[in-house]
Amino acid sequence: MTDIDTLDRKILHQLQQDATLPLEELGNRVGLSRNACWRRVKQLEDAGFLRGRVALLDPEKLDLGLSVFIQIRTNRHDADWLARFASATRAMPEILGVYRMSGDLDYLVRARVADMKAYDRMYQRLIEKIELSDVSASFVMEDIKDTTALPVL
């Protein structure tokens, strides 16, 4: 399965809204029988369009109210440094995303922490593990849009 059709896209859209939908309800929403819907969901999973089903947690209720974007520049661009950087950032649960960037910035890191003190502790742990030449952080003052849903329709 390399291509998906309109019905597959509708299924993916519905699952992004609520992955706990019973197959019968999902089928009703996209215009398929329960069994036909199950077959399509299974094909989408087998083909890798569905990577997993997760619960979205409320960061405020978990005392993770501070969202931060960390801009990183490095003087090192060798494979060994990159492997150590990837290992260090993957091991830190506060770090939610790490992106190698084009342009002036080398890496953009997205993290969630309780407060500034928690950010500083995370930062100190990171620089203990890996050499960085320039680090700056921007703290989110307001989430205007934050979604995991991809535009499939």
Protein backbone atom coordinates (compact mmCIF):
# COMPACT_ATOMS: atom_id res chain seq x y z
CA MET A 1 0.00 0.00 0.00
CA THR A 2 1.72 3.16 -1.19
CA ASP A 3 -1.26 5.33 -2.06
CA ILE A 4 -4.28 6.16 0.02
CA ASP A 5 -7.70 7.23 -1.16
CA THR A 6 -10.34 9.61 0.18
CA LEU A 7 -11.83 7.00 2.53
CA ASP A 8 -8.40 6.23 4.00
CA ARG A 9 -7.84 9.94 4.55
CA LYS A 10 -11.21 10.24 6.29
CA ILE A 11 -10.28 7.32 8.55
CA LEU A 12 -6.93 8.90 9.39
CA HIS A 13 -8.61 12.24 10.08
CA GLN A 14 -11.12 10.64 12.46
CA LEU A 15 -8.43 8.63 14.25
CA GLN A 16 -6.36 11.78 14.75
CA GLN A 17 -9.35 13.33 16.48
CA ASP A 18 -10.08 10.27 18.66
CA ALA A 19 -8.09 7.06 18.35
CA THR A 20 -10.43 5.34 20.83
CA LEU A 21 -13.42 5.38 18.47
CA PRO A 22 -15.06 1.96 18.27
CA LEU A 23 -14.81 0.49 14.75
CA GLU A 24 -18.58 0.68 14.29
CA GLU A 25 -18.62 4.42 15.08
CA LEU A 26 -15.54 5.04 12.92
CA GLY A 27 -17.20 3.19 10.05
CA ASN A 28 -20.39 5.23 10.47
CA ARG A 29 -18.41 8.49 10.35
CA VAL A 30 -16.62 7.57 7.12
CA GLY A 31 -19.44 5.63 5.42
CA LEU A 32 -18.13 2.06 5.73
CA SER A 33 -19.25 -1.11 7.44
CA ARG A 34 -17.43 -2.14 10.61
CA ASN A 35 -15.56 -4.95 8.82
CA ALA A 36 -14.57 -2.83 5.82
CA CYS A 37 -13.37 -0.13 8.20
CA TRP A 38 -11.33 -2.67 10.20
CA ARG A 39 -9.66 -3.95 7.01
CA ARG A 40 -8.68 -0.43 5.97
CA VAL A 41 -7.35 0.46 9.44
CA LYS A 42 -5.32 -2.76 9.43
CA GLN A 43 -3.91 -1.94 5.95
CA LEU A 44 -3.02 1.59 7.09
CA GLU A 45 -1.23 0.16 10.13
CA ASP A 46 0.61 -2.49 8.10
CA ALA A 47 1.72 0.12 5.54
CA GLY A 48 3.04 2.42 8.28
CA PHE A 49 0.56 5.26 7.86
CA LEU A 50 -0.50 4.68 11.47
CA ARG A 51 2.64 4.62 13.61
CA GLY A 52 0.83 4.24 16.91
CA ARG A 53 -2.08 5.33 19.03
CA VAL A 54 -1.35 7.50 22.03
CA ALA A 55 -3.06 9.48 24.76
CA LEU A 56 -2.53 13.24 24.74
CA LEU A 57 -1.78 14.48 28.23
CA ASP A 58 -2.40 17.91 29.75
CA PRO A 59 1.04 19.37 30.54
CA GLU A 60 -0.37 21.92 33.01
CA LYS A 61 -1.98 19.21 35.14
CA LEU A 62 1.35 17.35 35.15
CA ASP A 63 3.28 20.44 36.29
CA LEU A 64 4.99 20.84 32.92
CA GLY A 65 3.67 24.31 32.17
CA LEU A 66 6.77 25.80 30.53
CA SER A 67 7.33 25.08 26.87
CA VAL A 68 10.73 26.07 25.49
CA PHE A 69 12.43 26.14 22.11
CA ILE A 70 16.20 25.88 22.33
CA GLN A 71 18.32 27.09 19.43
CA ILE A 72 21.69 25.38 19.20
CA ARG A 73 24.76 26.11 17.14
CA THR A 74 27.82 23.92 17.15
CA ASN A 75 31.32 24.09 15.75
CA ARG A 76 31.35 20.31 15.43
CA HIS A 77 29.65 18.60 12.49
CA ASP A 78 31.28 15.17 12.57
CA ALA A 79 29.46 11.86 12.91
CA ASP A 80 30.79 11.17 16.41
CA TRP A 81 29.49 14.50 17.77
CA LEU A 82 26.11 13.98 16.11
CA ALA A 83 25.79 10.48 17.57
CA ARG A 84 26.60 11.76 21.08
CA PHE A 85 24.19 14.71 20.66
CA ALA A 86 21.39 12.41 19.45
CA SER A 87 22.01 9.98 22.31
CA ALA A 88 22.08 12.77 24.91
CA THR A 89 18.89 14.43 23.73
CA ARG A 90 17.00 11.14 23.26
CA ALA A 91 17.82 10.20 26.86
CA MET A 92 16.26 13.36 28.29
CA PRO A 93 12.48 12.92 28.72
CA GLU A 94 11.89 16.67 28.91
CA ILE A 95 13.07 16.98 25.31
CA LEU A 96 10.13 16.29 23.01
CA GLY A 97 11.67 17.07 19.64
CA VAL A 98 15.10 17.64 18.11
CA TYR A 99 15.47 18.95 14.57
CA ARG A 100 18.57 19.50 12.41
CA MET A 101 17.97 22.78 10.63
CA SER A 102 19.09 24.56 7.49
CA GLY A 103 20.38 28.13 7.60
CA ASP A 104 22.19 29.82 10.49
CA LEU A 105 20.79 27.53 13.16
CA ASP A 106 22.15 23.98 13.49
CA TYR A 107 19.53 22.40 15.78
CA LEU A 108 16.16 23.34 17.22
CA VAL A 109 15.09 21.53 20.38
CA ARG A 110 11.55 21.53 21.78
CA ALA A 111 11.15 20.77 25.48
CA ARG A 112 8.54 20.81 28.27
CA VAL A 113 9.53 21.55 31.86
CA ALA A 114 7.88 22.76 35.06
CA ASP A 115 9.56 26.17 35.30
CA MET A 116 12.80 28.11 34.74
CA LYS A 117 14.64 26.17 37.45
CA ALA A 118 13.69 22.90 35.78
CA TYR A 119 14.84 24.30 32.43
CA ASP A 120 18.19 25.26 33.96
CA ARG A 121 18.64 21.76 35.43
CA MET A 122 17.89 20.24 32.02
CA TYR A 123 20.29 22.67 30.32
CA GLN A 124 23.06 21.85 32.81
CA ARG A 125 22.59 18.11 32.20
CA LEU A 126 22.73 18.65 28.44
CA ILE A 127 25.94 20.68 28.43
CA GLU A 128 27.56 18.10 30.76
CA LYS A 129 26.98 15.48 28.06
CA ILE A 130 27.80 17.37 24.87
CA GLU A 131 29.88 20.35 23.76
CA LEU A 132 27.78 23.20 22.33
CA SER A 133 29.12 26.48 20.95
CA ASP A 134 26.01 28.66 21.24
CA VAL A 135 22.70 28.03 22.97
CA SER A 136 19.73 30.33 23.30
CA ALA A 137 16.22 29.61 24.49
CA SER A 138 12.82 31.08 23.76
CA PHE A 139 10.02 30.46 26.23
CA VAL A 140 6.44 30.10 25.06
CA MET A 141 4.19 32.72 26.60
CA GLU A 142 0.95 31.45 25.02
CA ASP A 143 0.02 28.36 23.01
CA ILE A 144 -2.01 29.74 20.13
CA LYS A 145 -2.07 26.46 18.21
CA ASP A 146 -0.53 23.17 19.25
CA THR A 147 -1.72 20.06 17.48
CA THR A 148 -0.48 16.62 16.56
CA ALA A 149 -3.01 16.26 13.73
CA LEU A 150 -1.62 16.20 10.19
CA PRO A 151 -3.65 17.80 7.35
CA VAL A 152 -4.87 14.59 5.68
CA LEU A 153 -8.15 15.87 4.19
